[in-house]
Amino acid sequence: MLGQVRKTIKKFNMLAPGDTVVVGVSGGADSLALLYALQELKEYRLKLIV
């Protein structure tokens, strides 16, 4: 899954290193998966606001 996330982010130039990302998390599986994926993108050094 993370490989596809990285590929899509790169393809569409969605994030840059050091970006701040606001993440809305409801507690459902999809939003938790999104949060997990964003946390695992260490190479982007994202600042996540949940």
Foldseek 3Di string as FASTA:
>chain_A
DLVVVVVVCVVVVPAAAAEEEEQDAPPDPVSVVVVVSVVPPVVSNYHYHD
